[in-house]
């Protein structure tokens, strides 16, 4: 999985914002939330990074903020 965190954080509100999204998502996955993507991984951290890389995590965060 290739993920340019520096580039992503510059375009999406900064490193702190991206880190906060990842931490929140890992907690949600640990507490039983369904995965946003199809993956064979069972590791919540890896799943959260894959969701971020796919764009699904940022979209879900934007949808949540609009409500």
Foldseek 3Di string as FASTA:
>chain_A
DDDDLVVVQVVQPHPVVLVVLLVVQLVCVVVPDDQPDDDPDPRSNVSSVVCVVVVNSVVVVVVVVVD
